PDB file of N, CA and C in Angstrom:
ATOM      1  N   MET A   1      97.833 123.394  30.658  1.00  0.00           N
ATOM      2  CA  MET A   1      96.967 124.107  31.872  1.00  0.00           C
ATOM      3  C   MET A   1      97.209 123.278  32.908  1.00  0.00           C
ATOM      4  N   GLN A   2      97.682 124.169  33.978  1.00  0.00           N
ATOM      5  CA  GLN A   2      98.445 123.498  35.347  1.00  0.00           C
ATOM      6  C   GLN A   2      97.188 124.082  36.576  1.00  0.00           C
ATOM      7  N   LEU A   3      96.964 123.136  37.322  1.00  0.00           N
ATOM      8  CA  LEU A   3      95.986 123.489  38.509  1.00  0.00           C
ATOM      9  C   LEU A   3      96.989 123.499  39.462  1.00  0.00           C
ATOM     10  N   ASP A   4      96.042 124.930  40.423  1.00  0.00           N
ATOM     11  CA  ASP A   4      96.870 125.137  41.759  1.00  0.00           C
ATOM     12  C   ASP A   4      95.921 124.779  42.842  1.00  0.00           C
ATOM     13  N   PHE A   5      96.856 124.051  43.443  1.00  0.00           N
ATOM     14  CA  PHE A   5      96.198 123.079  44.353  1.00  0.00           C
ATOM     15  C   PHE A   5      96.697 123.829  45.615  1.00  0.00           C
ATOM     16  N   THR A   6      97.779 124.749  45.826  1.00  0.00           N
ATOM     17  CA  THR A   6      97.659 124.818  47.221  1.00  0.00           C
ATOM     18  C   THR A   6      96.537 126.247  47.388  1.00  0.00           C
ATOM     19  N   ARG A   7      96.000 126.444  46.473  1.00  0.00           N
ATOM     20  CA  ARG A   7      94.618 127.424  46.757  1.00  0.00           C
ATOM     21  C   ARG A   7      93.628 126.513  47.749  1.00  0.00           C
ATOM     22  N   ALA A   8      93.803 125.714  47.072  1.00  0.00           N
ATOM     23  CA  ALA A   8      91.971 124.680  47.430  1.00  0.00           C
ATOM     24  C   ALA A   8      92.502 124.331  48.734  1.00  0.00           C
ATOM     25  N   ILE A   9      93.576 124.122  49.207  1.00  0.00           N
ATOM     26  CA  ILE A   9      93.998 123.619  50.513  1.00  0.00           C
ATOM     27  C   ILE A   9      93.999 124.681  51.573  1.00  0.00           C
ATOM     28  N   THR A  10      94.644 125.755  51.481  1.00  0.00           N
ATOM     29  CA  THR A  10      94.557 126.713  51.996  1.00  0.00           C
ATOM     30  C   THR A  10      93.172 127.487  52.484  1.00  0.00           C
ATOM     31  N   PRO A  11      92.505 127.834  53.876  1.00  0.00           N
ATOM     32  CA  PRO A  11      91.089 127.756  53.481  1.00  0.00           C
ATOM     33  C   PRO A  11      91.003 129.535  53.801  1.00  0.00           C
ATOM     34  N   GLY A  12      90.395 129.366  53.306  1.00  0.00           N
ATOM     35  CA  GLY A  12      89.621 131.433  53.015  1.00  0.00           C
ATOM     36  C   GLY A  12      89.459 131.980  54.279  1.00  0.00           C
ATOM     37  N   PRO A  13      89.079 133.042  54.471  1.00  0.00           N
ATOM     38  CA  PRO A  13      88.932 133.838  55.850  1.00  0.00           C
ATOM     39  C   PRO A  13      87.844 133.471  56.447  1.00  0.00           C
ATOM     40  N   GLU A  14      86.427 132.796  56.390  1.00  0.00           N
ATOM     41  CA  GLU A  14      85.534 132.434  56.720  1.00  0.00           C
ATOM     42  C   GLU A  14      85.780 130.655  56.865  1.00  0.00           C
ATOM     43  N   ARG A  15      86.032 130.246  56.233  1.00  0.00           N
ATOM     44  CA  ARG A  15      86.165 128.803  56.621  1.00  0.00           C
ATOM     45  C   ARG A  15      87.092 128.860  57.478  1.00  0.00           C
ATOM     46  N   ALA A  16      88.530 129.693  57.549  1.00  0.00           N
ATOM     47  CA  ALA A  16      89.413 129.761  58.680  1.00  0.00           C
ATOM     48  C   ALA A  16      88.646 129.698  60.212  1.00  0.00           C
ATOM     49  N   ARG A  17      87.925 130.885  60.381  1.00  0.00           N
ATOM     50  CA  ARG A  17      87.170 131.405  61.475  1.00  0.00           C
ATOM     51  C   ARG A  17      86.102 129.755  61.817  1.00  0.00           C
ATOM     52  N   ARG A  18      85.840 129.351  61.236  1.00  0.00           N
ATOM     53  CA  ARG A  18      84.907 128.094  61.395  1.00  0.00           C
ATOM     54  C   ARG A  18      85.842 126.784  62.164  1.00  0.00           C
ATOM     55  N   ALA A  19      86.923 126.644  61.344  1.00  0.00           N
ATOM     56  CA  ALA A  19      87.672 125.710  61.517  1.00  0.00           C
ATOM     57  C   ALA A  19      88.770 126.004  62.558  1.00  0.00           C
ATOM     58  N   THR A  20      88.874 126.917  63.391  1.00  0.00           N
ATOM     59  CA  THR A  20      90.010 127.042  64.462  1.00  0.00           C
ATOM     60  C   THR A  20      88.844 127.197  65.702  1.00  0.00           C
ATOM     61  N   PRO A  21      89.299 126.166  66.648  1.00  0.00           N
ATOM     62  CA  PRO A  21      88.716 126.030  68.235  1.00  0.00           C
ATOM     63  C   PRO A  21      88.614 127.006  68.853  1.00  0.00           C
ATOM     64  N   THR A  22      89.981 128.070  68.637  1.00  0.00           N
ATOM     65  CA  THR A  22      89.760 129.303  69.855  1.00  0.00           C
ATOM     66  C   THR A  22      89.025 130.359  69.093  1.00  0.00           C
ATOM     67  N   ALA A  23      88.776 130.479  68.168  1.00  0.00           N
ATOM     68  CA  ALA A  23      87.302 131.325  67.538  1.00  0.00           C
ATOM     69  C   ALA A  23      86.342 130.913  67.720  1.00  0.00           C
ATOM     70  N   GLN A  24      85.717 129.683  68.602  1.00  0.00           N
ATOM     71  CA  GLN A  24      84.628 129.736  68.849  1.00  0.00           C
ATOM     72  C   GLN A  24      84.638 129.244  69.880  1.00  0.00           C
ATOM     73  N   SER A  25      85.387 129.647  71.126  1.00  0.00           N
ATOM     74  CA  SER A  25      85.745 129.299  72.531  1.00  0.00           C
ATOM     75  C   SER A  25      83.968 130.408  73.372  1.00  0.00           C
ATOM     76  N   ALA A  26      83.643 129.266  73.734  1.00  0.00           N
ATOM     77  CA  ALA A  26      82.438 129.624  74.738  1.00  0.00           C
ATOM     78  C   ALA A  26      82.716 130.835  75.421  1.00  0.00           C
ATOM     79  N   PRO A  27      81.300 131.691  75.789  1.00  0.00           N
ATOM     80  CA  PRO A  27      81.842 132.790  76.478  1.00  0.00           C
ATOM     81  C   PRO A  27      81.913 132.540  77.936  1.00  0.00           C
ATOM     82  N   SER A  28      82.613 133.406  78.447  1.00  0.00           N
ATOM     83  CA  SER A  28      82.973 132.937  80.048  1.00  0.00           C
ATOM     84  C   SER A  28      81.630 133.237  81.101  1.00  0.00           C
ATOM     85  N   PRO A  29      81.225 132.068  82.011  1.00  0.00           N
ATOM     86  CA  PRO A  29      79.880 132.471  82.789  1.00  0.00           C
ATOM     87  C   PRO A  29      79.976 133.701  83.344  1.00  0.00           C
ATOM     88  N   ARG A  30      78.953 134.235  83.616  1.00  0.00           N
ATOM     89  CA  ARG A  30      78.757 135.592  84.318  1.00  0.00           C
ATOM     90  C   ARG A  30      78.840 134.888  85.933  1.00  0.00           C
ATOM     91  N   ARG A  31      79.761 135.969  86.787  1.00  0.00           N
ATOM     92  CA  ARG A  31      79.970 135.557  87.797  1.00  0.00           C
ATOM     93  C   ARG A  31      78.896 136.373  88.832  1.00  0.00           C
ATOM     94  N   ARG A  32      78.294 135.792  89.786  1.00  0.00           N
ATOM     95  CA  ARG A  32      77.019 136.421  90.415  1.00  0.00           C
ATOM     96  C   ARG A  32      77.785 137.516  91.817  1.00  0.00           C
ATOM     97  N   LYS A  33      77.454 138.332  91.641  1.00  0.00           N
ATOM     98  CA  LYS A  33      77.456 139.406  92.575  1.00  0.00           C
ATOM     99  C   LYS A  33      77.678 138.594  94.101  1.00  0.00           C
ATOM    100  N   LYS A  34      78.831 139.116  94.370  1.00  0.00           N
ATOM    101  CA  LYS A  34      78.722 138.174  96.143  1.00  0.00           C
ATOM    102  C   LYS A  34      77.632 138.884  97.071  1.00  0.00           C
ATOM    103  N   GLU A  35      76.971 138.795  98.106  1.00  0.00           N
ATOM    104  CA  GLU A  35      75.894 138.922  98.369  1.00  0.00           C
ATOM    105  C   GLU A  35      76.378 139.545  99.315  1.00  0.00           C
ATOM    106  N   ALA A  36      76.143 141.045  99.602  1.00  0.00           N
ATOM    107  CA  ALA A  36      76.306 141.299 100.912  1.00  0.00           C
ATOM    108  C   ALA A  36      75.435 141.167 102.375  1.00  0.00           C
ATOM    109  N   PRO A  37      76.698 140.616 103.520  1.00  0.00           N
ATOM    110  CA  PRO A  37      75.546 140.101 104.869  1.00  0.00           C
ATOM    111  C   PRO A  37      74.366 141.192 105.193  1.00  0.00           C
ATOM    112  N   PRO A  38      74.117 140.743 106.247  1.00  0.00           N
ATOM    113  CA  PRO A  38      72.915 142.060 106.700  1.00  0.00           C
ATOM    114  C   PRO A  38      73.894 142.224 107.662  1.00  0.00           C
ATOM    115  N   HIS A  39      73.326 143.692 107.760  1.00  0.00           N
ATOM    116  CA  HIS A  39      73.851 144.613 108.713  1.00  0.00           C
ATOM    117  C   HIS A  39      73.084 145.146 110.262  1.00  0.00           C
ATOM    118  N   TRP A  40      73.628 145.623 111.196  1.00  0.00           N
ATOM    119  CA  TRP A  40      72.445 146.532 112.527  1.00  0.00           C
ATOM    120  C   TRP A  40      72.609 147.767 111.923  1.00  0.00           C
ATOM    121  N   GLU A  41      71.508 148.136 112.026  1.00  0.00           N
ATOM    122  CA  GLU A  41      71.593 149.484 111.754  1.00  0.00           C
ATOM    123  C   GLU A  41      70.888 150.183 113.443  1.00  0.00           C
ATOM    124  N   ARG A  42      72.266 151.135 114.097  1.00  0.00           N
ATOM    125  CA  ARG A  42      71.543 152.231 115.044  1.00  0.00           C
ATOM    126  C   ARG A  42      70.650 152.777 114.985  1.00  0.00           C
ATOM    127  N   GLY A  43      69.661 153.159 116.031  1.00  0.00           N
ATOM    128  CA  GLY A  43      68.951 154.282 116.479  1.00  0.00           C
ATOM    129  C   GLY A  43      68.596 154.520 117.782  1.00  0.00           C
ATOM    130  N   TYR A  44      67.924 155.334 118.123  1.00  0.00           N
ATOM    131  CA  TYR A  44      67.871 156.084 119.853  1.00  0.00           C
ATOM    132  C   TYR A  44      67.612 154.835 120.493  1.00  0.00           C
ATOM    133  N   ARG A  45      66.139 154.490 120.639  1.00  0.00           N
ATOM    134  CA  ARG A  45      65.659 153.161 121.425  1.00  0.00           C
ATOM    135  C   ARG A  45      65.671 152.241 120.790  1.00  0.00           C
ATOM    136  N   SER A  46      66.344 151.788 119.563  1.00  0.00           N
ATOM    137  CA  SER A  46      65.782 150.773 119.377  1.00  0.00           C
ATOM    138  C   SER A  46      66.639 150.391 117.590  1.00  0.00           C
ATOM    139  N   HIS A  47      67.385 149.119 117.613  1.00  0.00           N
ATOM    140  CA  HIS A  47      68.049 148.768 116.365  1.00  0.00           C
ATOM    141  C   HIS A  47      67.564 147.956 115.149  1.00  0.00           C
ATOM    142  N   PHE A  48      67.771 148.043 114.578  1.00  0.00           N
ATOM    143  CA  PHE A  48      67.140 147.063 112.544  1.00  0.00           C
ATOM    144  C   PHE A  48      68.135 146.270 112.697  1.00  0.00           C
ATOM    145  N   TYR A  49      68.012 145.230 111.945  1.00  0.00           N
ATOM    146  CA  TYR A  49      68.641 144.242 111.855  1.00  0.00           C
ATOM    147  C   TYR A  49      68.278 144.501 110.102  1.00  0.00           C
ATOM    148  N   ARG A  50      68.937 144.653 108.732  1.00  0.00           N
ATOM    149  CA  ARG A  50      68.888 144.762 107.391  1.00  0.00           C
ATOM    150  C   ARG A  50      69.529 144.321 106.680  1.00  0.00           C
ATOM    151  N   ASN A  51      69.319 143.935 105.285  1.00  0.00           N
ATOM    152  CA  ASN A  51      69.648 143.549 104.580  1.00  0.00           C
ATOM    153  C   ASN A  51      70.123 144.368 103.958  1.00  0.00           C
ATOM    154  N   GLU A  52      70.824 143.836 102.734  1.00  0.00           N
ATOM    155  CA  GLU A  52      71.421 144.607 101.785  1.00  0.00           C
ATOM    156  C   GLU A  52      70.460 145.855 100.936  1.00  0.00           C
ATOM    157  N   ARG A  53      69.393 145.465 100.598  1.00  0.00           N
ATOM    158  CA  ARG A  53      68.416 146.095  99.924  1.00  0.00           C
ATOM    159  C   ARG A  53      68.003 146.794 100.835  1.00  0.00           C
ATOM    160  N   GLY A  54      67.876 146.844 102.271  1.00  0.00           N
ATOM    161  CA  GLY A  54      67.095 147.941 103.300  1.00  0.00           C
ATOM    162  C   GLY A  54      66.123 147.225 103.700  1.00  0.00           C
ATOM    163  N   GLU A  55      65.890 146.019 103.214  1.00  0.00           N
ATOM    164  CA  GLU A  55      64.410 145.267 104.123  1.00  0.00           C
ATOM    165  C   GLU A  55      64.427 145.158 105.466  1.00  0.00           C
ATOM    166  N   LYS A  56      63.631 145.213 106.359  1.00  0.00           N
ATOM    167  CA  LYS A  56      64.153 145.052 107.806  1.00  0.00           C
ATOM    168  C   LYS A  56      63.915 143.673 108.212  1.00  0.00           C
ATOM    169  N   LEU A  57      65.107 142.985 108.693  1.00  0.00           N
ATOM    170  CA  LEU A  57      64.505 141.855 108.983  1.00  0.00           C
ATOM    171  C   LEU A  57      64.244 141.472 110.488  1.00  0.00           C
ATOM    172  N   GLY A  58      64.472 141.694 111.483  1.00  0.00           N
ATOM    173  CA  GLY A  58      64.228 141.925 112.613  1.00  0.00           C
ATOM    174  C   GLY A  58      64.643 143.250 113.537  1.00  0.00           C
ATOM    175  N   GLU A  59      64.336 143.455 114.439  1.00  0.00           N
ATOM    176  CA  GLU A  59      64.514 144.437 115.682  1.00  0.00           C
ATOM    177  C   GLU A  59      64.579 144.448 116.898  1.00  0.00           C
ATOM    178  N   VAL A  60      65.509 145.065 117.501  1.00  0.00           N
ATOM    179  CA  VAL A  60      65.044 144.874 119.135  1.00  0.00           C
ATOM    180  C   VAL A  60      65.332 146.288 119.731  1.00  0.00           C
ATOM    181  N   ARG A  61      64.205 146.404 120.661  1.00  0.00           N
ATOM    182  CA  ARG A  61      63.741 147.440 120.857  1.00  0.00           C
ATOM    183  C   ARG A  61      63.695 147.568 122.820  1.00  0.00           C
ATOM    184  N   LEU A  62      64.658 148.915 123.385  1.00  0.00           N
ATOM    185  CA  LEU A  62      64.753 149.067 124.348  1.00  0.00           C
ATOM    186  C   LEU A  62      63.001 149.287 125.226  1.00  0.00           C
ATOM    187  N   SER A  63      63.353 148.590 126.744  1.00  0.00           N
ATOM    188  CA  SER A  63      61.815 148.828 127.422  1.00  0.00           C
ATOM    189  C   SER A  63      61.387 149.917 127.426  1.00  0.00           C
ATOM    190  N   ASP A  64      60.247 150.629 127.652  1.00  0.00           N
ATOM    191  CA  ASP A  64      59.771 152.159 127.987  1.00  0.00           C
ATOM    192  C   ASP A  64      60.395 152.847 128.983  1.00  0.00           C
ATOM    193  N   ARG A  65      60.789 153.521 129.196  1.00  0.00           N
ATOM    194  CA  ARG A  65      61.377 154.703 130.252  1.00  0.00           C
ATOM    195  C   ARG A  65      60.381 154.388 131.336  1.00  0.00           C
ATOM    196  N   GLY A  66      61.185 154.394 132.449  1.00  0.00           N
ATOM    197  CA  GLY A  66      60.677 153.920 133.785  1.00  0.00           C
ATOM    198  C   GLY A  66      60.485 152.570 134.037  1.00  0.00           C
ATOM    199  N   ASP A  67      60.109 151.749 133.018  1.00  0.00           N
ATOM    200  CA  ASP A  67      60.452 150.497 133.711  1.00  0.00           C
ATOM    201  C   ASP A  67      61.952 150.106 134.288  1.00  0.00           C
ATOM    202  N   ALA A  68      61.572 149.531 135.518  1.00  0.00           N
ATOM    203  CA  ALA A  68      62.679 148.923 136.633  1.00  0.00           C
ATOM    204  C   ALA A  68      63.166 148.107 136.097  1.00  0.00           C
ATOM    205  N   PRO A  69      63.207 146.861 135.694  1.00  0.00           N
ATOM    206  CA  PRO A  69      64.216 145.911 135.278  1.00  0.00           C
ATOM    207  C   PRO A  69      64.437 146.565 133.337  1.00  0.00           C
ATOM    208  N   VAL A  70      65.537 146.922 132.887  1.00  0.00           N
ATOM    209  CA  VAL A  70      65.723 147.348 131.671  1.00  0.00           C
ATOM    210  C   VAL A  70      65.739 146.142 131.201  1.00  0.00           C
ATOM    211  N   VAL A  71      64.988 145.908 129.883  1.00  0.00           N
ATOM    212  CA  VAL A  71      64.590 144.769 129.120  1.00  0.00           C
ATOM    213  C   VAL A  71      64.667 145.147 127.298  1.00  0.00           C
ATOM    214  N   TYR A  72      65.462 144.409 127.046  1.00  0.00           N
ATOM    215  CA  TYR A  72      65.300 144.699 125.520  1.00  0.00           C
ATOM    216  C   TYR A  72      64.223 143.586 124.630  1.00  0.00           C
ATOM    217  N   HIS A  73      63.448 143.879 124.009  1.00  0.00           N
ATOM    218  CA  HIS A  73      62.578 143.263 123.634  1.00  0.00           C
ATOM    219  C   HIS A  73      63.006 143.278 121.589  1.00  0.00           C
ATOM    220  N   TRP A  74      63.104 141.748 121.414  1.00  0.00           N
ATOM    221  CA  TRP A  74      63.825 141.420 120.602  1.00  0.00           C
ATOM    222  C   TRP A  74      62.302 140.932 119.450  1.00  0.00           C
ATOM    223  N   ALA A  75      62.747 141.103 118.305  1.00  0.00           N
ATOM    224  CA  ALA A  75      61.483 140.307 117.253  1.00  0.00           C
ATOM    225  C   ALA A  75      62.251 139.849 115.713  1.00  0.00           C
ATOM    226  N   ALA A  76      62.033 138.687 115.493  1.00  0.00           N
ATOM    227  CA  ALA A  76      62.236 138.470 114.084  1.00  0.00           C
ATOM    228  C   ALA A  76      61.481 137.649 113.088  1.00  0.00           C
ATOM    229  N   GLY A  77      60.703 137.738 112.315  1.00  0.00           N
ATOM    230  CA  GLY A  77      59.772 137.337 111.607  1.00  0.00           C
ATOM    231  C   GLY A  77      58.952 136.687 112.408  1.00  0.00           C
ATOM    232  N   ASN A  78      58.476 135.774 112.952  1.00  0.00           N
ATOM    233  CA  ASN A  78      57.329 135.278 113.538  1.00  0.00           C
ATOM    234  C   ASN A  78      57.480 134.555 115.168  1.00  0.00           C
ATOM    235  N   TYR A  79      59.137 135.218 115.730  1.00  0.00           N
ATOM    236  CA  TYR A  79      59.665 134.931 116.813  1.00  0.00           C
ATOM    237  C   TYR A  79      60.124 136.157 117.550  1.00  0.00           C
ATOM    238  N   SER A  80      59.285 136.802 118.380  1.00  0.00           N
ATOM    239  CA  SER A  80      59.924 137.323 119.230  1.00  0.00           C
ATOM    240  C   SER A  80      60.223 137.100 120.797  1.00  0.00           C
ATOM    241  N   GLY A  81      61.117 137.981 121.473  1.00  0.00           N
ATOM    242  CA  GLY A  81      61.142 138.068 123.033  1.00  0.00           C
ATOM    243  C   GLY A  81      61.961 138.621 124.047  1.00  0.00           C
ATOM    244  N   ALA A  82      62.624 138.680 125.097  1.00  0.00           N
ATOM    245  CA  ALA A  82      62.929 139.782 125.932  1.00  0.00           C
ATOM    246  C   ALA A  82      64.104 138.810 126.305  1.00  0.00           C
ATOM    247  N   GLU A  83      64.889 140.163 126.378  1.00  0.00           N
ATOM    248  CA  GLU A  83      66.504 139.874 127.034  1.00  0.00           C
ATOM    249  C   GLU A  83      66.994 140.902 127.780  1.00  0.00           C
ATOM    250  N   GLY A  84      67.851 140.383 128.663  1.00  0.00           N
ATOM    251  CA  GLY A  84      68.280 141.321 129.371  1.00  0.00           C
ATOM    252  C   GLY A  84      69.285 142.235 129.329  1.00  0.00           C
ATOM    253  N   SER A  85      70.411 142.267 128.093  1.00  0.00           N
ATOM    254  CA  SER A  85      71.267 142.342 127.706  1.00  0.00           C
ATOM    255  C   SER A  85      71.088 142.897 125.985  1.00  0.00           C
ATOM    256  N   LEU A  86      71.629 143.652 125.564  1.00  0.00           N
ATOM    257  CA  LEU A  86      71.334 144.227 123.956  1.00  0.00           C
ATOM    258  C   LEU A  86      72.177 143.024 123.578  1.00  0.00           C
ATOM    259  N   VAL A  87      73.290 142.568 123.911  1.00  0.00           N
ATOM    260  CA  VAL A  87      74.237 141.649 122.720  1.00  0.00           C
ATOM    261  C   VAL A  87      73.292 140.360 123.233  1.00  0.00           C
ATOM    262  N   HIS A  88      72.859 139.960 124.135  1.00  0.00           N
ATOM    263  CA  HIS A  88      71.936 138.652 124.063  1.00  0.00           C
ATOM    264  C   HIS A  88      70.707 138.910 122.783  1.00  0.00           C
ATOM    265  N   ALA A  89      70.116 139.933 122.948  1.00  0.00           N
ATOM    266  CA  ALA A  89      68.966 140.458 122.373  1.00  0.00           C
ATOM    267  C   ALA A  89      69.333 140.597 120.660  1.00  0.00           C
ATOM    268  N   ARG A  90      70.605 140.777 120.528  1.00  0.00           N
ATOM    269  CA  ARG A  90      70.993 141.165 119.083  1.00  0.00           C
ATOM    270  C   ARG A  90      71.520 139.179 118.532  1.00  0.00           C
ATOM    271  N   ALA A  91      71.817 138.547 119.194  1.00  0.00           N
ATOM    272  CA  ALA A  91      72.186 137.148 119.231  1.00  0.00           C
ATOM    273  C   ALA A  91      71.085 136.107 118.885  1.00  0.00           C
ATOM    274  N   ARG A  92      69.553 137.015 119.398  1.00  0.00           N
ATOM    275  CA  ARG A  92      68.302 136.021 119.170  1.00  0.00           C
ATOM    276  C   ARG A  92      68.242 136.515 117.808  1.00  0.00           C
ATOM    277  N   VAL A  93      68.274 137.685 117.477  1.00  0.00           N
ATOM    278  CA  VAL A  93      67.759 137.843 116.249  1.00  0.00           C
ATOM    279  C   VAL A  93      68.574 137.524 115.273  1.00  0.00           C
ATOM    280  N   GLU A  94      69.911 137.504 115.177  1.00  0.00           N
ATOM    281  CA  GLU A  94      70.687 136.564 114.440  1.00  0.00           C
ATOM    282  C   GLU A  94      70.611 135.129 114.376  1.00  0.00           C
ATOM    283  N   GLU A  95      70.438 134.874 115.283  1.00  0.00           N
ATOM    284  CA  GLU A  95      70.248 133.364 115.262  1.00  0.00           C
ATOM    285  C   GLU A  95      68.926 132.964 114.944  1.00  0.00           C
ATOM    286  N   THR A  96      68.225 133.974 114.937  1.00  0.00           N
ATOM    287  CA  THR A  96      65.996 133.365 114.320  1.00  0.00           C
ATOM    288  C   THR A  96      66.474 133.785 112.979  1.00  0.00           C
ATOM    289  N   ILE A  97      66.863 134.602 112.297  1.00  0.00           N
ATOM    290  CA  ILE A  97      67.441 134.889 111.054  1.00  0.00           C
ATOM    291  C   ILE A  97      67.898 133.781 110.140  1.00  0.00           C
ATOM    292  N   GLY A  98      69.140 133.366 111.065  1.00  0.00           N
ATOM    293  CA  GLY A  98      69.618 132.583 110.254  1.00  0.00           C
ATOM    294  C   GLY A  98      69.257 131.015 110.477  1.00  0.00           C
ATOM    295  N   PHE A  99      68.596 131.230 111.176  1.00  0.00           N
ATOM    296  CA  PHE A  99      67.677 129.612 111.107  1.00  0.00           C
ATOM    297  C   PHE A  99      66.809 129.585 110.192  1.00  0.00           C
ATOM    298  N   GLY A 100      66.221 130.805 109.753  1.00  0.00           N
ATOM    299  CA  GLY A 100      64.510 130.631 108.687  1.00  0.00           C
ATOM    300  C   GLY A 100      65.296 130.736 107.126  1.00  0.00           C
ATOM    301  N   MET A 101      66.881 131.220 107.272  1.00  0.00           N
ATOM    302  CA  MET A 101      67.445 131.407 105.625  1.00  0.00           C
ATOM    303  C   MET A 101      67.727 129.913 105.283  1.00  0.00           C
ATOM    304  N   ARG A 102      67.882 128.893 105.839  1.00  0.00           N
ATOM    305  CA  ARG A 102      68.501 127.819 105.748  1.00  0.00           C
ATOM    306  C   ARG A 102      67.390 126.810 105.650  1.00  0.00           C
ATOM    307  N   GLN A 103      67.895 126.089 104.560  1.00  0.00           N
ATOM    308  CA  GLN A 103      66.602 124.309 104.230  1.00  0.00           C
ATOM    309  C   GLN A 103      67.089 123.865 105.342  1.00  0.00           C
ATOM    310  N   LEU A 104      66.133 123.099 105.905  1.00  0.00           N
ATOM    311  CA  LEU A 104      66.285 122.091 107.091  1.00  0.00           C
ATOM    312  C   LEU A 104      66.433 120.792 106.102  1.00  0.00           C
ATOM    313  N   SER A 105      67.272 119.827 106.551  1.00  0.00           N
ATOM    314  CA  SER A 105      66.785 118.513 106.100  1.00  0.00           C
ATOM    315  C   SER A 105      65.542 117.746 106.319  1.00  0.00           C
ATOM    316  N   LEU A 106      64.883 117.067 105.858  1.00  0.00           N
ATOM    317  CA  LEU A 106      63.507 116.291 105.890  1.00  0.00           C
ATOM    318  C   LEU A 106      64.078 115.225 106.415  1.00  0.00           C
ATOM    319  N   PHE A 107      64.630 114.435 106.574  1.00  0.00           N
ATOM    320  CA  PHE A 107      65.236 113.315 107.357  1.00  0.00           C
ATOM    321  C   PHE A 107      66.227 113.170 108.079  1.00  0.00           C
TER     322      PHE A 107
END
């Protein structure tokens, strides 16, 4: 009687899958969806600063009609103020939202 050693050395299909390192490669990590930056939504007498979900982060409103100096009132979070131009009022809202969204160092 002659023994067949080649059969014992050659791994079977199941053993071959367990033995090869490429078959057990880890699944690639999921990539996070890049968050869209907040954007300005224009209105007739007001502008709103909204995030990608549509939540209102801040707003800029024009002063009432008939007021002699035209003033832009802005509000964002717990902060509010008045500016002389729309550009400056928008900058204040963006600055306030940016300030509140980052963690300040403790020391």
